[in-house]
Each structure stands twice: as C-alpha cells, then as structure tokens.
Protein backbone atom coordinates (compact mmCIF):
# COMPACT_ATOMS: atom_id res chain seq x y z
CA MET A 1 -64.81 72.89 67.87
CA VAL A 2 -62.91 70.47 65.67
CA LEU A 3 -60.01 68.79 67.44
CA GLY A 4 -56.67 70.19 66.31
CA ASP A 5 -58.05 73.54 65.11
CA LEU A 6 -55.78 75.41 67.50
CA ARG A 7 -52.71 76.42 65.53
CA VAL A 8 -49.45 78.32 65.78
CA GLN A 9 -49.49 81.66 63.96
CA ALA A 10 -46.19 83.21 62.81
CA LEU A 11 -46.07 87.02 62.75
CA LYS A 12 -43.50 89.08 60.85
CA ARG A 13 -41.90 91.64 63.16
CA ALA A 14 -41.33 95.20 61.99
CA GLY A 15 -37.68 95.11 63.01
CA GLY A 16 -37.01 91.79 61.30
CA GLY A 17 -37.53 88.28 62.49
CA TRP A 18 -40.66 86.44 63.60
CA SER A 19 -42.91 86.12 66.61
CA TYR A 20 -45.21 83.19 67.38
CA THR A 21 -48.59 82.96 69.07
CA ILE A 22 -51.49 80.48 69.26
CA VAL A 23 -54.88 81.19 67.74
CA TRP A 24 -58.31 79.52 67.72
CA PRO A 25 -60.19 78.52 64.52
CA ASP A 26 -62.10 81.83 64.41
CA GLY A 27 -58.83 83.80 64.53
CA ARG A 28 -58.98 84.71 68.22
CA VAL A 29 -55.64 84.75 69.99
CA ASP A 30 -55.43 82.45 72.99
CA GLU A 31 -54.74 85.09 75.63
CA GLU A 32 -53.05 82.81 78.17
CA ALA A 33 -50.72 81.26 75.61
CA ASP A 34 -49.95 84.62 73.99
CA ALA A 35 -49.08 86.27 77.31
CA PHE A 36 -46.75 83.37 78.15
CA LEU A 37 -45.06 83.31 74.74
CA ARG A 38 -44.47 87.07 74.88
CA THR A 39 -42.12 86.47 77.80
CA HIS A 40 -39.82 84.74 75.27
CA GLU A 41 -40.11 87.42 72.59
CA GLY A 42 -37.07 87.65 70.32
CA SER A 43 -35.69 84.19 71.08
CA GLY A 44 -35.76 80.82 69.37
CA THR A 45 -37.36 79.43 72.54
CA GLN A 46 -40.61 81.20 71.65
CA LYS A 47 -41.09 79.15 68.47
CA THR A 48 -40.13 75.89 70.20
CA TYR A 49 -42.49 76.51 73.12
CA ALA A 50 -45.31 77.57 70.78
CA TYR A 51 -45.35 74.23 68.96
CA HIS A 52 -45.04 72.22 72.17
CA LEU A 53 -47.74 74.27 73.87
CA VAL A 54 -50.25 74.05 71.00
CA ASP A 55 -49.97 70.26 71.11
CA HIS A 56 -50.79 70.30 74.81
CA LEU A 57 -53.70 72.74 74.40
CA ARG A 58 -55.23 70.55 71.67
CA TRP A 59 -55.02 67.58 74.03
CA ARG A 60 -56.59 69.67 76.77
CA VAL A 61 -59.56 70.51 74.53
CA ARG A 62 -60.11 66.81 73.84
CA GLU A 63 -59.92 66.03 77.57
CA LYS A 64 -62.36 68.88 78.37
CA GLN A 65 -59.84 70.45 80.74
CA THR A 66 -59.06 74.12 81.41
CA THR A 67 -56.31 75.97 83.22
CA ALA A 68 -58.51 76.13 86.30
CA THR A 69 -59.30 72.40 86.37
CA VAL A 70 -56.16 70.64 85.13
CA SER A 71 -54.19 68.77 87.79
CA LEU A 72 -50.65 67.46 88.12
CA ARG A 73 -51.96 63.96 87.41
CA ASP A 74 -53.49 65.25 84.17
CA LEU A 75 -50.14 66.69 83.14
CA HIS A 76 -48.48 63.35 83.88
CA ARG A 77 -51.11 61.67 81.71
CA TYR A 78 -50.31 64.07 78.90
CA MET A 79 -46.57 63.38 79.20
CA GLY A 80 -47.33 59.68 79.00
CA ALA A 81 -49.51 60.24 75.94
CA VAL A 82 -46.65 61.90 74.05
CA GLY A 83 -44.03 59.30 74.91
CA ALA A 84 -42.82 59.58 78.51
CA LYS A 85 -42.63 56.56 80.80
CA VAL A 86 -45.16 57.20 83.56
CA PRO A 87 -46.41 54.70 86.17
CA MET A 88 -50.08 55.03 85.20
CA PRO A 89 -52.47 54.31 82.33
CA TRP A 90 -52.89 57.38 80.15
CA GLY A 91 -55.53 56.24 77.70
CA GLN A 92 -55.27 56.70 73.95
CA PRO A 93 -51.81 57.83 72.79
CA TRP A 94 -51.98 61.43 71.68
CA ARG A 95 -49.29 61.46 68.97
CA VAL A 96 -50.54 58.64 66.75
CA PRO A 97 -49.02 57.91 63.30
CA PRO A 98 -47.90 59.66 61.20
CA LYS A 99 -46.76 61.68 64.23
CA ARG A 100 -43.97 60.11 66.24
CA PRO A 101 -43.78 60.06 70.07
CA TYR A 102 -41.41 62.63 71.53
CA GLY A 103 -37.81 61.58 72.05
CA ALA A 104 -35.88 62.16 75.27
CA SER A 105 -34.84 65.73 74.40
CA ALA A 106 -38.31 66.72 73.21
CA LEU A 107 -39.83 65.33 76.41
CA GLU A 108 -37.53 67.53 78.47
CA VAL A 109 -38.54 70.57 76.42
CA ALA A 110 -42.22 69.69 76.76
CA ALA A 111 -41.90 69.33 80.54
CA ALA A 112 -40.08 72.65 80.82
CA CYS A 113 -42.68 74.36 78.61
CA LEU A 114 -45.64 73.05 80.61
CA ILE A 115 -44.29 74.01 84.02
CA ALA A 116 -43.29 77.46 82.78
CA PHE A 117 -46.70 78.01 81.17
CA TYR A 118 -48.79 77.04 84.19
CA VAL A 119 -46.58 78.88 86.68
CA HIS A 120 -46.81 81.99 84.48
CA VAL A 121 -50.59 81.71 84.20
CA TYR A 122 -50.85 81.42 87.98
CA SER A 123 -48.58 84.40 88.57
CA VAL A 124 -50.78 86.54 86.30
CA GLY A 125 -54.25 85.27 87.12
CA GLY A 126 -53.88 83.47 90.43
CA VAL A 127 -55.94 80.44 89.39
CA ASN A 128 -55.54 76.79 90.40
CA ASP A 129 -53.66 77.05 93.68
CA GLU A 130 -53.40 73.27 93.94
CA LEU A 131 -51.53 72.90 90.63
CA LYS A 132 -49.30 75.86 91.42
CA ALA A 133 -48.24 74.29 94.71
CA ALA A 134 -47.56 70.95 93.00
CA LEU A 135 -45.38 72.54 90.32
CA THR A 136 -43.32 74.90 92.47
CA VAL A 137 -41.35 72.25 94.33
CA GLY A 138 -37.64 72.20 95.02
CA ARG A 139 -34.75 69.77 95.06
CA LEU A 140 -31.32 69.56 96.63
CA PRO A 141 -28.52 70.94 94.41
CA THR A 142 -26.01 68.50 92.94
CA GLN A 143 -22.29 69.14 92.80
CA ALA A 144 -22.66 70.07 89.13
CA ASP A 145 -25.27 72.66 90.13
CA ARG A 146 -22.93 74.11 92.73
CA ASP A 147 -20.11 74.27 90.19
CA ARG A 148 -22.30 76.40 87.90
CA LEU A 149 -23.52 78.74 90.64
CA LEU A 150 -21.72 81.67 92.23
CA LEU A 151 -21.46 80.96 95.98
CA GLY A 152 -23.00 77.56 95.29
CA HIS A 153 -22.01 76.35 98.77
CA VAL A 154 -24.79 78.48 100.31
CA THR A 155 -27.49 77.27 97.88
CA THR A 156 -29.79 74.81 99.63
CA SER A 157 -32.60 74.35 97.11
CA LEU A 158 -33.20 74.58 93.36
CA PRO A 159 -36.44 74.44 91.34
CA ALA A 160 -37.47 70.93 90.31
CA ASN A 161 -39.73 69.83 87.49
CA PRO A 162 -42.17 67.17 88.71
CA LEU A 163 -43.05 66.30 85.10
CA THR A 164 -39.58 64.89 84.53
CA ARG A 165 -38.92 61.63 86.33
CA ARG A 166 -35.70 61.56 88.30
CA GLY A 167 -32.92 60.15 86.17
CA GLN A 168 -35.08 59.89 83.05
CA GLY A 169 -34.06 61.87 80.01
CA HIS A 170 -31.00 63.51 81.61
CA ARG A 171 -28.38 60.89 80.98
CA ARG A 172 -26.14 61.75 78.06
CA ARG A 173 -25.91 59.10 75.43
CA HIS A 174 -23.45 58.60 72.64
CA PRO A 175 -24.98 60.50 69.71
CA LYS A 176 -25.98 58.95 66.42
CA MET A 177 -23.20 59.19 63.84
CA LEU A 178 -23.33 59.00 60.07
CA PRO A 179 -23.23 55.55 58.45
CA ASP A 180 -19.86 54.36 57.20
CA GLN A 181 -18.81 56.02 53.94
CA ALA A 182 -21.83 58.33 54.10
CA ARG A 183 -20.02 61.33 52.64
CA PRO A 184 -18.78 59.74 49.38
CA GLU A 185 -22.03 57.84 48.97
CA LEU A 186 -24.06 61.02 49.33
CA LEU A 187 -21.80 62.96 46.96
CA ASP A 188 -22.31 60.23 44.36
CA VAL A 189 -26.10 60.62 44.36
CA VAL A 190 -26.76 64.35 44.86
CA ASN A 191 -28.09 66.09 41.78
CA THR A 192 -26.68 69.62 41.98
CA ALA A 193 -23.51 71.51 42.85
CA ARG A 194 -25.45 73.22 45.65
CA ASP A 195 -26.35 69.89 47.23
CA ALA A 196 -22.76 68.65 46.92
CA MET A 197 -21.60 71.86 48.57
CA ALA A 198 -24.08 71.40 51.43
CA VAL A 199 -22.87 67.84 52.07
CA THR A 200 -19.22 68.96 51.97
CA TRP A 201 -19.73 71.95 54.26
CA LEU A 202 -21.72 69.95 56.80
CA SER A 203 -19.06 67.19 56.73
CA ASP A 204 -16.06 69.48 57.25
CA THR A 205 -17.48 71.75 59.97
CA SER A 206 -19.76 71.48 62.98
CA MET A 207 -22.30 73.93 61.54
CA ARG A 208 -25.95 73.38 62.30
CA ILE A 209 -28.40 73.46 59.41
CA GLY A 210 -29.85 76.82 60.48
CA GLY A 211 -26.37 78.32 60.42
CA LEU A 212 -25.58 76.87 56.99
CA THR A 213 -28.80 77.98 55.30
CA GLY A 214 -28.55 81.37 57.03
CA LEU A 215 -25.14 82.23 55.56
CA HIS A 216 -24.74 85.41 53.54
CA LEU A 217 -21.99 85.93 50.99
CA VAL A 218 -20.38 88.60 53.20
CA ASP A 219 -19.98 85.98 55.96
CA LEU A 220 -17.41 84.05 53.90
CA HIS A 221 -13.72 84.87 54.25
CA LEU A 222 -12.26 82.17 52.05
CA ARG A 223 -8.70 83.47 51.85
CA GLU A 224 -5.87 83.79 54.32
CA ASN A 225 -5.44 86.90 56.47
CA ALA A 226 -8.93 88.26 55.84
CA ALA A 227 -9.66 91.84 56.85
CA CYS A 228 -11.76 90.83 59.85
CA GLY A 229 -8.65 89.74 61.76
CA ASP A 230 -10.59 87.04 63.61
CA CYS A 231 -8.76 84.10 62.04
CA PRO A 232 -5.67 84.02 59.79
CA SER A 233 -6.87 80.93 57.90
CA PRO A 234 -9.82 80.74 55.49
CA HIS A 235 -12.98 80.75 57.58
CA LEU A 236 -16.62 81.79 57.75
CA HIS A 237 -18.77 83.65 60.27
CA VAL A 238 -22.12 82.21 61.34
CA CYS A 239 -24.15 85.26 62.40
CA HIS A 240 -27.53 85.13 64.06
CA ARG A 241 -29.97 87.19 61.96
CA TRP A 242 -33.70 87.46 62.67
CA GLY A 243 -34.60 88.93 59.29
CA ASN A 244 -33.51 86.20 56.86
CA PRO A 245 -36.23 85.74 54.21
CA ASN A 246 -36.01 81.93 54.54
CA ARG A 247 -36.37 82.22 58.37
CA ALA A 248 -33.06 80.41 58.86
CA ALA A 249 -31.27 81.50 62.02
CA ALA A 250 -28.17 80.36 63.91
CA LYS A 251 -28.88 78.64 67.21
CA ILE A 252 -26.29 80.50 69.28
CA LYS A 253 -25.98 84.26 69.23
CA PRO A 254 -22.45 85.61 69.78
CA ASP A 255 -22.07 89.31 69.02
CA TRP A 256 -21.17 90.26 65.45
CA THR A 257 -20.96 93.44 63.43
CA VAL A 258 -20.24 94.75 59.95
CA VAL A 259 -17.66 97.53 59.60
CA ASP A 260 -16.89 98.88 56.11
CA GLY A 261 -18.52 95.80 54.60
CA VAL A 262 -16.42 93.35 56.65
CA VAL A 263 -18.14 90.94 59.05
CA THR A 264 -16.45 90.37 62.41
CA GLY A 265 -17.52 88.19 65.34
CA GLY A 266 -20.21 85.55 65.31
CA GLU A 267 -19.45 81.84 65.41
CA ILE A 268 -16.26 81.20 63.43
CA HIS A 269 -15.61 77.96 61.54
CA ARG A 270 -12.41 77.08 59.71
CA VAL A 271 -12.88 76.21 56.04
CA SER A 272 -11.29 73.20 54.32
CA PRO A 273 -9.88 73.16 50.74
CA ALA A 274 -12.72 70.83 49.74
CA MET A 275 -15.23 73.41 50.97
CA ILE A 276 -13.59 76.16 48.93
CA SER A 277 -13.55 73.96 45.83
CA SER A 278 -17.25 73.08 46.16
CA TYR A 279 -18.04 76.77 46.74
CA PHE A 280 -16.40 77.91 43.51
CA THR A 281 -18.06 75.11 41.53
CA TYR A 282 -21.46 76.17 42.84
CA MET A 283 -20.89 79.92 42.43
CA THR A 284 -19.63 79.68 38.84
CA THR A 285 -22.46 77.43 37.70
CA GLU A 286 -25.83 77.36 39.47
CA TYR A 287 -25.54 80.54 41.53
CA ALA A 288 -24.37 82.57 38.54
CA VAL A 289 -27.38 81.40 36.52
CA TYR A 290 -30.23 81.37 39.02
CA ALA A 291 -29.41 83.83 41.80
CA ALA A 292 -32.04 86.51 42.40
CA GLY A 293 -30.81 89.92 43.35
CA GLY A 294 -31.23 91.60 46.68
CA HIS A 295 -31.13 88.95 49.39
CA GLY A 296 -27.35 88.30 49.34
CA MET A 297 -27.68 84.79 50.77
CA LEU A 298 -25.43 81.90 49.81
CA LEU A 299 -27.73 78.92 49.21
CA ILE A 300 -30.60 79.37 46.78
CA GLN A 301 -33.49 77.36 45.35
CA LEU A 302 -32.76 75.96 41.90
CA ALA A 303 -36.25 75.01 40.71
CA GLY A 304 -39.90 75.95 41.06
CA PRO A 305 -41.63 79.33 41.19
CA CYS A 306 -39.21 80.60 43.87
CA LYS A 307 -36.09 79.83 41.83
CA GLY A 308 -33.23 82.05 42.95
CA GLU A 309 -34.72 82.77 46.38
CA PRO A 310 -32.98 81.60 49.59
CA TRP A 311 -32.99 77.85 50.31
CA SER A 312 -34.69 76.93 53.58
CA ALA A 313 -33.45 74.64 56.35
CA ASP A 314 -36.42 72.31 55.84
CA ALA A 315 -35.58 71.99 52.14
CA ALA A 316 -31.97 71.13 53.04
CA ARG A 317 -33.15 68.44 55.47
CA GLY A 318 -35.38 66.99 52.78
CA MET A 319 -32.50 66.89 50.30
CA LEU A 320 -30.34 64.93 52.76
CA ARG A 321 -33.17 62.54 53.55
CA ARG A 322 -33.83 61.81 49.87
CA ALA A 323 -30.13 61.49 49.06
CA GLY A 324 -29.73 58.99 51.91
CA ARG A 325 -32.52 56.87 50.47
CA ARG A 326 -31.05 56.99 46.96
CA ALA A 327 -27.66 55.97 48.35
CA ASP A 328 -29.35 53.13 50.25
CA LEU A 329 -27.79 54.29 53.51
CA PRO A 330 -29.21 52.84 56.73
CA GLY A 331 -31.34 55.06 58.90
CA ARG A 332 -32.35 58.66 58.37
CA ILE A 333 -29.64 61.13 57.33
CA THR A 334 -29.98 64.30 59.41
CA PRO A 335 -27.86 67.47 59.59
CA LYS A 336 -27.18 66.84 63.29
CA ALA A 337 -25.43 63.55 62.47
CA PHE A 338 -22.80 65.49 60.49
CA ARG A 339 -22.07 67.67 63.54
CA HIS A 340 -21.74 64.62 65.77
CA GLN A 341 -19.54 62.82 63.24
CA PHE A 342 -17.24 65.84 62.85
CA THR A 343 -16.76 66.22 66.61
CA ASN A 344 -16.12 62.51 67.03
CA ASP A 345 -13.58 62.48 64.20
CA VAL A 346 -11.73 65.51 65.57
CA LEU A 347 -11.65 63.92 69.02
CA ASP A 348 -10.18 60.71 67.57
CA ALA A 349 -7.63 62.58 65.44
CA SER A 350 -6.47 64.69 68.41
CA GLY A 351 -5.80 61.66 70.59
CA GLY A 352 -8.91 62.21 72.66
CA ASN A 353 -8.17 65.85 73.55
CA PRO A 354 -11.56 67.42 74.38
CA MET A 355 -10.13 70.96 74.27
CA VAL A 356 -9.25 70.55 70.57
CA ALA A 357 -12.67 69.09 69.78
CA LYS A 358 -14.35 71.90 71.73
CA ALA A 359 -12.53 74.59 69.76
CA ALA A 360 -13.01 72.88 66.38
CA GLY A 361 -16.70 72.24 66.97
CA ASN A 362 -17.58 75.48 68.80
CA TRP A 363 -18.96 73.50 71.73
CA ALA A 364 -19.90 75.22 74.97
CA SER A 365 -17.37 73.33 77.07
CA ALA A 366 -14.72 70.63 76.85
CA LYS A 367 -16.52 68.82 79.67
CA MET A 368 -19.60 68.44 77.48
CA VAL A 369 -17.48 67.02 74.64
CA ASP A 370 -15.82 64.57 77.02
CA GLU A 371 -19.15 63.44 78.51
CA VAL A 372 -20.88 62.93 75.17
CA TYR A 373 -18.07 61.69 72.93
CA GLY A 374 -15.27 60.69 75.27
CA HIS A 375 -16.03 56.99 75.65
CA PRO A 376 -14.88 54.09 73.52
CA ASP A 377 -16.61 52.67 70.50
CA LEU A 378 -17.82 49.26 71.63
CA HIS A 379 -17.14 47.86 68.16
CA SER A 380 -13.72 49.42 67.54
CA PRO A 381 -10.60 47.23 67.00
CA GLU A 382 -9.01 48.78 70.10
CA PHE A 383 -11.98 47.81 72.26
CA GLU A 384 -12.06 44.27 70.86
CA SER A 385 -8.30 43.93 71.39
CA ALA A 386 -8.54 45.13 74.99
CA LEU A 387 -11.29 42.61 75.72
CA ARG A 388 -9.36 39.74 74.14
CA ALA A 389 -6.27 40.65 76.17
CA THR A 390 -8.36 40.73 79.35
CA TRP A 391 -9.83 37.36 78.52
CA GLY A 392 -6.34 35.95 77.96
CA GLU A 393 -6.83 35.37 74.24
CA GLU A 394 -3.91 37.66 73.26
C-alpha cells in the first residue's frame, strides 16, 4: 500500500448535490468511514469531515494502527502532527510542505471529526472499549452553555472533547482584514468585467464565496419594490442549492422558494449602486458574448474549454490571490477577508452598534459581532490619543 492512496470520492446524487466517501486504491469503500459519513448525508459537514478523516486515516496507515488498536495518546500525537500544541513528542510532522499545518479553526474541526468518528465506530461495532471510555468524558457547563440550553439550570454535565486542550483554539481573535486600499488596488489590476464585479460584490456585502459563485440570475432583484416583497430596496437572495453544476453552495440554509418565477426567502443582501453598475457592465459585455445556455448562473468562465460554464469558488479564490500579487498587496487576499472588512466597516459607521452590523452582515447574533469585532484597533488614532491622554502627554 502506497502512503496517501486513500482518497475522498465525490458521488453525484440523483436528487442533486454531492455525497462524499473514502475509498482505498483498489476502489474499495472504507466501510467504517462510509458508515460514519452517511450520518452527515446532505450537509456540508460531510465534505469537511471526509477530507479531515482521510488525512487521519492516511496517518493511521503509516503508523500501522487500526480502529481496534489506536489509543487516546495516539490521537493526541496525530493532533500534534497536524499543528496542535501537545505536551509530548509526536515524531515527524504529518503535514509537511507544501501542505500547511492546520490553523486554530481547522484543529477544532479535526478534533470534532475524530471524536465523532471513533464514538460512532464504537456504537456500531463495539470495539476498543478503552478508547471509547477515554473519549466519552464530560465537563461542567459554563454560563454561556446554560444560556443556550432550555432549562440550563438543571444541566450538570456536557460532552467534552479531550483532543482539544482547555482554552486552546476557542478564544475569539480579531479577524484578518483587507490591506489598506485593497479594493481600488484590486480593481486596477483585474483583467475582466467579471473579476471587477466579483471584487465589488464581495466588498459591498458580507457574502461568502460559495454564495457569490452559487448565484443564479433569478436570485437578483436589482430594482426597488421587487415582486418578492422581502426587501423594498435593490437586493439579492443567496439560496442554498445542492445541484449547482460548479458545486458552489451557500453555507447557511434558510428556507427559500420560487413562486411564478420569483425567488423569495434565502439569505438577503442589500445591493449597492456600485454593484448594480458592475453587474450591467458584465452582463452587456462578457456574459452576453460567452454565456452558455441552460444553467442560468450568474458568474461564468471566460476562457478555456469550459468557456461559458459556471465559474467555481476555487477559480474565484485563485483570481483574488493572483490579483493581490499583481497589486503587490501584503499577505494573501481571501474572500473571507472581504466579509470581515465589511462587518468591521459597518460597525465603525454605525457608531459601534452590533445590531446594525448583525443585520447588514447576516450574522447569527449581535453578541458574536460584538465579541469578534467590538474591540478597538490598537493602531487607530483614537486609541493612540487615549493612551497619550492617559500618559499625560495631551
């Protein structure tokens, strides 16, 4: 067996969308992994867990471990090998260049995936009692846990993940914003009207890249008092669809429907005049020339053998990365940075009102906005002025 031959296999579903499983080099499905991933059928979690789990199973092959023999210490060694801080030697790092170690969020996902996988395997097959006992531990609920739970005052224990060190990876940090003047610099170097539209739409909304590349023309209501009645101003609807040919899908899944050709529901984003202007420039030039019939999606490929077909999220990320390099901007330009920058700018413009930023950015809660964005910029003039006044220099 060649190391790394285990792979994730994507399967087109009859009803639209995709399922994911893990297969061996000879095409055999890994039964344990497949049974576990089926419990997340029809969700984006299945794809995420599949790619985290295949990495772990490849490591397990190298270490000559099986489900029946792996221990909690082995799982800690694996977490250390992919980037976690663990108080033990873990041997050769598993994710060597060009792969990067997992970041804090990815480590949390990996820990959640591993504990869910091994607990599921035990519940089905009843193997490895020692590991099952080590993983199914509890912890005392925090006040935040009680606030989220109905009758939280009677809850005395919650599941704990022993693969996540206490206090590590859970602290919110101020997110990475775009470099100064990133928007005009990017617009100066992009090569097409489509790319300029993507930069503008990401800058003026809090859309994620999967939502942007998953837009259909019917989702756009770019005039006032549209027939949907959801918003009197120009807006768009981000609708979660499993069957998009480019596999783009919105992260959150509010209900939506189409009645007499009019989309209602979904995640609604207000549209700026600059967005409308970039849309008409794109539609009257590149889209009118290259669009292929049938798919009805907004963003299309403009070159290559698939010209006119839907543009993928990965292709959009690559465009932003290359444009950032051409503009000589520091760091890596990512779609998520636009979402963070938009929320931060709205929060500043609203005088620090997290309710406004929550509504504008379609965040889950104002508390989340306040925790992540509601602290001062340590390099802002206001912060410097406050320090100088405290020091008696003003």
